[in-house]
């Protein structure tokens, strides 16, 4: 796993996902169509949907396709003009579109679909799968293991989405600070970012109803946040020290939290730990992902052995392909050395003392 590649991927898809929480079911229905085709036009999408209970009029398909394009979930592609009717515009999924499908529509990504072949160069595969399998190996053995891997990729996307350090949209910042909110945008468009942070630090049950008021004059401008289910939260700006204090007994105990303030762009931020937070984040996600895919490989090798006699010809083919994949064999050897041998020793000790 290349840390830089991993960081760039996580940064890109996470930022995008914060903007697309409200994708409706019909938009996902359109994204699903790209699972089976390398690229599609709006007319082709409309034709495919007609044969399903989720059919849409062409004008609605075209409208939503343009919305997906502007949201960077699909992109325009050039195709062979000989096969393009009426100079139609064709599209294919972007990395963010692929991420959204694994995050929200795993059930639609069938292992027998041409999805892997059409999107084999996706960064999602490069980051989470190809360190353990060569692309050619997966294309050769196909559905026998792809369903497990697709489930694994969905879990990886869920892990990225739920990672606490990513709650701030500007976490990926080389300054060493994590943005909490912009002072001059509260009350206003930064209410959500501030409320998300308050909910986390004060462990609030709900932030659906709130009232935010600001007194921005004087030496100590103040923001007051009132939430029905919690005591008042006071946010005070100390201009002389370039500090912001957030104080409340919300959550059951008094907290007085201190943040940095920068006049030039009015941001309120907390200083990140001295250790490289991005490296910590990437490491955390990939340790979890690595454990998941190692278990998949362990189970698959076990299945090859246990069903070899009943599916001899098929499994003989799988064994030949996999044994020629040095990445896969390296992981298998590590699993055997680190897990199976220890299990054998434990088993012998237990049976000896029984």
Protein backbone atom coordinates (compact mmCIF):
# COMPACT_ATOMS: atom_id res chain seq x y z
CA UNK A 1 0.00 0.00 0.00
CA UNK A 2 1.40 3.33 -1.09
CA UNK A 3 0.60 5.88 1.69
CA UNK A 4 0.50 8.78 -0.75
CA UNK A 5 -1.90 6.99 -3.08
CA UNK A 6 -4.04 5.96 -0.12
CA UNK A 7 -4.14 9.48 1.28
CA UNK A 8 -5.05 10.98 -2.09
CA UNK A 9 -7.84 8.45 -2.60
CA UNK A 10 -9.33 8.87 0.88
CA UNK A 11 -9.11 12.65 0.62
CA UNK A 12 -10.86 12.73 -2.77
CA UNK A 13 -13.74 10.39 -2.06
CA UNK A 14 -14.39 11.63 1.45
CA UNK A 15 -14.62 15.26 0.42
CA UNK A 16 -16.93 14.25 -2.40
CA UNK A 17 -19.15 12.12 -0.17
CA UNK A 18 -19.81 15.05 2.18
CA UNK A 19 -21.40 16.84 -0.75
CA UNK A 20 -23.56 13.92 -1.88
CA UNK A 21 -25.34 12.75 1.26
CA UNK A 22 -28.68 13.66 -0.29
CA UNK A 23 -28.44 11.62 -3.48
CA UNK A 24 -31.93 10.22 -4.02
CA UNK A 25 -32.82 6.69 -5.02
CA UNK A 26 -33.40 7.61 -8.66
CA UNK A 27 -29.91 9.06 -8.96
CA UNK A 28 -28.50 5.81 -7.59
CA UNK A 29 -30.68 3.91 -10.08
CA UNK A 30 -28.87 5.77 -12.86
CA UNK A 31 -25.43 5.13 -11.35
CA UNK A 32 -26.29 1.43 -11.18
CA UNK A 33 -26.62 1.22 -14.95
CA UNK A 34 -22.88 1.80 -15.34
CA UNK A 35 -22.14 -1.47 -13.54
CA UNK A 36 -22.97 -3.39 -16.69
CA UNK A 37 -21.58 -1.08 -19.38
CA UNK A 38 -18.25 0.64 -19.89
CA UNK A 39 -20.02 3.84 -20.88
CA UNK A 40 -23.60 4.96 -21.54
CA UNK A 41 -25.51 7.88 -23.02
CA UNK A 42 -28.58 9.42 -21.38
CA UNK A 43 -30.74 7.77 -24.05
CA UNK A 44 -29.22 4.35 -23.32
CA UNK A 45 -29.76 4.84 -19.58
CA UNK A 46 -33.40 5.73 -20.24
CA UNK A 47 -33.84 2.62 -22.42
CA UNK A 48 -32.34 0.36 -19.76
CA UNK A 49 -34.56 1.81 -17.04
CA UNK A 50 -37.70 1.26 -19.13
CA UNK A 51 -37.43 -2.48 -18.52
CA UNK A 52 -37.41 -1.98 -14.74
CA UNK A 53 -39.97 -0.72 -12.19
CA UNK A 54 -37.75 2.38 -11.85
CA UNK A 55 -38.31 3.78 -15.36
CA UNK A 56 -37.93 7.51 -15.94
CA UNK A 57 -38.87 9.83 -18.77
CA UNK A 58 -35.95 10.83 -20.96
CA UNK A 59 -36.06 14.49 -19.85
CA UNK A 60 -35.75 13.37 -16.20
CA UNK A 61 -32.88 11.01 -17.02
CA UNK A 62 -31.11 13.79 -18.89
CA UNK A 63 -31.63 16.22 -15.99
CA UNK A 64 -30.28 13.78 -13.41
CA UNK A 65 -27.40 12.79 -15.65
CA UNK A 66 -26.34 16.44 -15.83
CA UNK A 67 -26.61 16.69 -12.05
CA UNK A 68 -24.41 13.61 -11.61
CA UNK A 69 -21.93 15.10 -14.06
CA UNK A 70 -21.75 18.42 -12.18
CA UNK A 71 -21.33 16.48 -8.92
CA UNK A 72 -18.30 14.61 -10.33
CA UNK A 73 -19.97 11.20 -10.01
CA UNK A 74 -19.82 10.56 -13.75
CA UNK A 75 -17.63 12.03 -16.48
CA UNK A 76 -17.84 12.48 -20.22
CA UNK A 77 -15.86 10.07 -22.38
CA UNK A 78 -15.01 9.94 -26.05
CA UNK A 79 -16.19 6.87 -27.93
CA UNK A 80 -15.83 5.47 -31.43
CA UNK A 81 -17.94 7.86 -33.50
CA UNK A 82 -18.96 4.97 -35.80
CA UNK A 83 -20.83 3.37 -32.92
CA UNK A 84 -22.31 6.60 -31.59
CA UNK A 85 -25.81 7.46 -32.79
CA UNK A 86 -26.72 11.10 -33.32
CA UNK A 87 -23.44 12.25 -31.77
CA UNK A 88 -24.69 11.24 -28.34
CA UNK A 89 -22.64 12.19 -25.29
CA UNK A 90 -21.39 9.17 -23.36
CA UNK A 91 -20.48 8.93 -19.69
CA UNK A 92 -18.73 6.61 -17.28
CA UNK A 93 -18.29 6.48 -13.52
CA UNK A 94 -15.67 8.59 -11.77
CA UNK A 95 -13.81 7.41 -8.66
CA UNK A 96 -16.42 9.21 -6.55
CA UNK A 97 -19.23 7.48 -8.43
CA UNK A 98 -17.64 4.07 -7.84
CA UNK A 99 -17.18 4.91 -4.16
CA UNK A 100 -20.84 5.91 -3.81
CA UNK A 101 -22.00 2.62 -5.34
CA UNK A 102 -19.89 0.52 -2.97
CA UNK A 103 -20.99 2.71 -0.09
CA UNK A 104 -24.73 2.70 -0.81
CA UNK A 105 -25.63 0.13 -3.50
CA UNK A 106 -23.44 -2.92 -2.93
CA UNK A 107 -26.37 -5.23 -3.67
CA UNK A 108 -26.38 -4.04 -7.29
CA UNK A 109 -22.72 -4.87 -8.02
CA UNK A 110 -23.04 -8.48 -9.13
CA UNK A 111 -19.81 -10.53 -9.17
CA UNK A 112 -20.74 -11.90 -12.60
CA UNK A 113 -21.05 -8.40 -14.06
CA UNK A 114 -18.27 -6.87 -16.20
CA UNK A 115 -17.74 -4.21 -13.52
CA UNK A 116 -14.17 -5.24 -12.65
CA UNK A 117 -13.17 -5.49 -16.29
CA UNK A 118 -14.67 -2.08 -17.09
CA UNK A 119 -13.21 -0.33 -14.03
CA UNK A 120 -10.14 -2.42 -13.28
CA UNK A 121 -7.95 0.70 -13.14
CA UNK A 122 -10.04 2.27 -10.38
CA UNK A 123 -8.03 3.59 -7.44
CA UNK A 124 -10.41 1.70 -5.13
CA UNK A 125 -9.01 -1.60 -6.44
CA UNK A 126 -5.45 -0.28 -6.56
CA UNK A 127 -5.53 0.82 -2.93
CA UNK A 128 -7.52 -1.98 -1.24
CA UNK A 129 -7.23 -5.08 -3.45
CA UNK A 130 -4.23 -5.06 -5.79
CA UNK A 131 -1.64 -5.16 -2.97
CA UNK A 132 -2.98 -8.71 -2.38
CA UNK A 133 -3.98 -9.86 -5.87
CA UNK A 134 -2.77 -9.07 -9.35
CA UNK A 135 -5.49 -7.63 -11.55
CA UNK A 136 -5.02 -10.45 -14.07
CA UNK A 137 -5.63 -13.04 -11.37
CA UNK A 138 -9.01 -11.61 -10.43
CA UNK A 139 -10.04 -11.27 -14.06
CA UNK A 140 -9.14 -14.92 -14.59
CA UNK A 141 -10.87 -16.50 -11.59
CA UNK A 142 -13.86 -14.15 -11.66
CA UNK A 143 -17.02 -14.49 -9.53
CA UNK A 144 -15.63 -17.23 -7.28
CA UNK A 145 -14.02 -14.62 -5.03
CA UNK A 146 -15.33 -11.29 -6.30
CA UNK A 147 -18.44 -11.25 -4.12
CA UNK A 148 -16.27 -11.53 -1.02
CA UNK A 149 -13.97 -8.80 -2.30
CA UNK A 150 -16.85 -6.50 -3.22
CA UNK A 151 -18.23 -6.88 0.30
CA UNK A 152 -14.75 -6.07 1.59
CA UNK A 153 -14.58 -2.92 -0.54
CA UNK A 154 -17.97 -1.81 0.76
CA UNK A 155 -16.69 -2.26 4.31
CA UNK A 156 -13.60 -0.18 3.46
CA UNK A 157 -15.82 2.62 2.13
CA UNK A 158 -17.95 2.47 5.28
CA UNK A 159 -14.78 2.67 7.35
CA UNK A 160 -13.65 5.80 5.52
CA UNK A 161 -17.09 7.36 5.91
CA UNK A 162 -17.32 6.72 9.65
CA UNK A 163 -13.76 7.74 10.59
CA UNK A 164 -14.02 10.42 13.29
CA UNK A 165 -10.96 12.35 12.15
CA UNK A 166 -12.67 12.95 8.83
CA UNK A 167 -15.70 14.71 10.28
CA UNK A 168 -14.14 18.07 9.42
CA UNK A 169 -14.15 18.70 5.69
CA UNK A 170 -10.79 20.48 5.94
CA UNK A 171 -9.02 17.76 7.90
CA UNK A 172 -6.75 17.12 4.95
CA UNK A 173 -4.77 20.25 5.59
CA UNK A 174 -1.02 20.57 5.80
CA UNK A 175 -1.25 23.39 8.36
CA UNK A 176 -1.50 21.02 11.32
CA UNK A 177 -4.95 22.32 12.26
CA UNK A 178 -8.43 20.92 11.85
CA UNK A 179 -11.10 23.46 10.92
CA UNK A 180 -14.10 23.64 13.27
CA UNK A 181 -16.03 26.49 11.66
CA UNK A 182 -15.68 29.95 10.12
CA UNK A 183 -16.53 32.66 12.64
CA UNK A 184 -18.08 34.99 10.07
CA UNK A 185 -20.27 32.18 8.67
CA UNK A 186 -22.10 31.44 11.97
CA UNK A 187 -24.98 31.86 12.13
CA UNK A 188 -25.19 30.98 8.48
CA UNK A 189 -23.81 28.38 6.11
CA UNK A 190 -21.30 26.98 8.62
CA UNK A 191 -23.94 26.10 11.22
CA UNK A 192 -23.81 22.43 10.27
CA UNK A 193 -20.06 22.11 10.71
CA UNK A 194 -20.17 23.81 14.13
CA UNK A 195 -23.14 21.74 15.30
CA UNK A 196 -21.47 18.48 14.21
CA UNK A 197 -18.46 19.39 16.33
CA UNK A 198 -20.56 20.37 19.35
CA UNK A 199 -22.50 17.13 19.11
CA UNK A 200 -19.25 15.18 19.16
CA UNK A 201 -17.45 16.99 22.01
CA UNK A 202 -20.51 17.29 24.26
CA UNK A 203 -22.03 13.94 23.25
CA UNK A 204 -25.38 15.49 22.37
CA UNK A 205 -28.22 13.17 21.43
CA UNK A 206 -29.80 15.45 18.85
CA UNK A 207 -28.96 18.68 17.03
CA UNK A 208 -32.01 18.77 14.77
CA UNK A 209 -33.47 21.79 16.60
CA UNK A 210 -31.27 24.71 17.57
CA UNK A 211 -31.02 28.47 17.87
CA UNK A 212 -27.78 30.37 17.24
CA UNK A 213 -27.27 34.03 18.11
CA UNK A 214 -24.16 36.19 17.81
CA UNK A 215 -23.04 39.35 19.60
CA UNK A 216 -20.14 40.37 17.37
CA UNK A 217 -19.25 43.72 18.95
CA UNK A 218 -16.84 44.55 21.74
CA UNK A 219 -13.65 42.95 22.96
CA UNK A 220 -15.15 39.49 23.41
CA UNK A 221 -17.64 38.66 20.62
CA UNK A 222 -19.91 35.79 21.62
CA UNK A 223 -21.94 33.08 19.89
CA UNK A 224 -24.71 31.45 21.91
CA UNK A 225 -26.03 28.04 20.86
CA UNK A 226 -29.28 26.82 22.36
CA UNK A 227 -30.38 23.22 21.85
CA UNK A 228 -33.59 22.05 23.58
CA UNK A 229 -32.02 18.84 24.90
CA UNK A 230 -28.92 20.48 26.43
CA UNK A 231 -27.73 23.49 28.47
CA UNK A 232 -26.65 26.64 26.63
CA UNK A 233 -23.29 26.50 24.85
CA UNK A 234 -21.25 29.72 24.91
CA UNK A 235 -18.55 30.42 22.32
CA UNK A 236 -16.33 33.41 23.11
CA UNK A 237 -13.67 35.02 20.91
CA UNK A 238 -10.61 36.46 22.68
CA UNK A 239 -9.21 38.81 20.04
CA UNK A 240 -6.15 39.73 22.06
CA UNK A 241 -4.94 36.13 22.28
CA UNK A 242 -6.41 34.82 19.01
CA UNK A 243 -8.27 32.15 20.94
CA UNK A 244 -11.84 30.89 20.94
CA UNK A 245 -13.36 29.31 24.06
CA UNK A 246 -16.33 26.93 23.93
CA UNK A 247 -17.98 26.46 27.32
CA UNK A 248 -20.97 24.47 28.56
CA UNK A 249 -22.20 21.83 30.99
CA UNK A 250 -23.85 19.99 28.10
CA UNK A 251 -23.07 16.31 28.42
CA UNK A 252 -23.27 16.39 32.21
CA UNK A 253 -20.03 18.12 33.14
CA UNK A 254 -18.49 21.53 32.61
CA UNK A 255 -16.09 21.80 29.70
CA UNK A 256 -13.96 24.78 28.73
CA UNK A 257 -12.44 24.00 25.34
CA UNK A 258 -9.84 26.21 23.67
CA UNK A 259 -9.31 26.67 19.93
CA UNK A 260 -7.12 28.73 17.65
CA UNK A 261 -8.44 31.75 15.74
CA UNK A 262 -6.96 33.20 12.56
CA UNK A 263 -8.03 36.74 11.62
CA UNK A 264 -7.08 36.56 7.95
CA UNK A 265 -9.78 34.02 7.05
CA UNK A 266 -11.81 33.96 10.28
CA UNK A 267 -11.36 30.25 10.89
CA UNK A 268 -11.68 28.59 14.27
CA UNK A 269 -9.60 25.41 14.45
CA UNK A 270 -8.10 22.90 16.85
CA UNK A 271 -4.46 21.92 16.73
CA UNK A 272 -3.92 18.36 15.54
CA UNK A 273 -1.73 15.94 17.51
CA UNK A 274 2.02 16.23 16.99
CA UNK A 275 2.18 12.84 15.31
CA UNK A 276 1.28 12.97 11.64
CA UNK A 277 -2.53 12.64 11.83
CA UNK A 278 -2.91 11.66 8.19
CA UNK A 279 -0.46 8.81 8.61
CA UNK A 280 -2.31 7.70 11.75
CA UNK A 281 -5.63 7.83 9.92
CA UNK A 282 -4.41 5.95 6.85
CA UNK A 283 -2.71 3.37 9.05
CA UNK A 284 -5.88 2.83 11.08
CA UNK A 285 -8.05 2.30 8.03
CA UNK A 286 -5.57 0.01 6.33
CA UNK A 287 -4.86 -2.15 9.34
CA UNK A 288 -8.58 -2.83 9.51
CA UNK A 289 -8.79 -3.37 5.75
CA UNK A 290 -5.75 -5.67 5.76
CA UNK A 291 -7.25 -7.86 8.48
CA UNK A 292 -10.45 -8.10 6.47
CA UNK A 293 -8.85 -9.19 3.23
CA UNK A 294 -6.53 -11.63 4.99
CA UNK A 295 -9.61 -13.33 6.42
CA UNK A 296 -11.10 -13.52 2.93
CA UNK A 297 -7.94 -15.14 1.61
CA UNK A 298 -7.81 -17.55 4.56
CA UNK A 299 -11.43 -18.61 3.97
CA UNK A 300 -10.94 -18.92 0.22
CA UNK A 301 -7.87 -21.13 0.54
CA UNK A 302 -9.76 -23.26 3.05
CA UNK A 303 -12.63 -23.58 0.58
CA UNK A 304 -10.23 -24.60 -2.19
CA UNK A 305 -8.96 -27.42 0.00
CA UNK A 306 -12.30 -28.59 1.41
CA UNK A 307 -14.16 -28.65 -1.93
CA UNK A 308 -11.28 -29.76 -4.15
CA UNK A 309 -12.60 -33.30 -4.65
CA UNK A 310 -16.16 -32.33 -5.57
CA UNK A 311 -15.10 -29.46 -7.87
CA UNK A 312 -11.78 -30.86 -8.99
CA UNK A 313 -11.47 -29.40 -12.49
CA UNK A 314 -12.65 -25.92 -11.48
CA UNK A 315 -10.50 -25.71 -8.36
CA UNK A 316 -7.49 -27.11 -10.11
CA UNK A 317 -7.74 -24.16 -12.49
CA UNK A 318 -8.06 -21.69 -9.59
CA UNK A 319 -5.08 -23.23 -7.85
CA UNK A 320 -2.92 -22.92 -10.94
CA UNK A 321 -3.83 -19.26 -11.49
CA UNK A 322 -3.42 -18.26 -7.85
CA UNK A 323 -0.12 -20.09 -7.38
CA UNK A 324 1.37 -17.95 -10.17
CA UNK A 325 0.36 -14.69 -8.42
CA UNK A 326 3.34 -13.69 -6.27
CA UNK A 327 1.34 -11.07 -4.37
CA UNK A 328 -1.31 -13.58 -3.40
CA UNK A 329 1.23 -16.26 -2.49
CA UNK A 330 3.16 -13.82 -0.30
CA UNK A 331 0.02 -13.11 1.74
CA UNK A 332 -0.86 -16.81 1.94
CA UNK A 333 2.60 -17.55 3.30
CA UNK A 334 2.32 -14.75 5.86
CA UNK A 335 -1.09 -16.00 6.99
CA UNK A 336 0.30 -19.51 7.38
CA UNK A 337 3.35 -18.35 9.32
CA UNK A 338 1.53 -15.85 11.54
CA UNK A 339 -1.80 -17.54 12.11
CA UNK A 340 -1.93 -21.19 11.22
CA UNK A 341 1.31 -22.28 12.89
CA UNK A 342 0.32 -20.48 16.09
CA UNK A 343 -3.07 -22.20 15.94
CA UNK A 344 -1.35 -25.57 15.52
CA UNK A 345 0.83 -24.93 18.56
CA UNK A 346 -2.19 -23.86 20.58
CA UNK A 347 -4.14 -26.91 19.47
CA UNK A 348 -1.30 -29.27 20.45
CA UNK A 349 -1.02 -27.63 23.86
CA UNK A 350 -4.75 -27.92 24.48
CA UNK A 351 -4.99 -31.55 23.38
CA UNK A 352 -1.89 -32.51 25.38
CA UNK A 353 -3.36 -31.12 28.59
CA UNK A 354 -6.85 -32.53 28.07
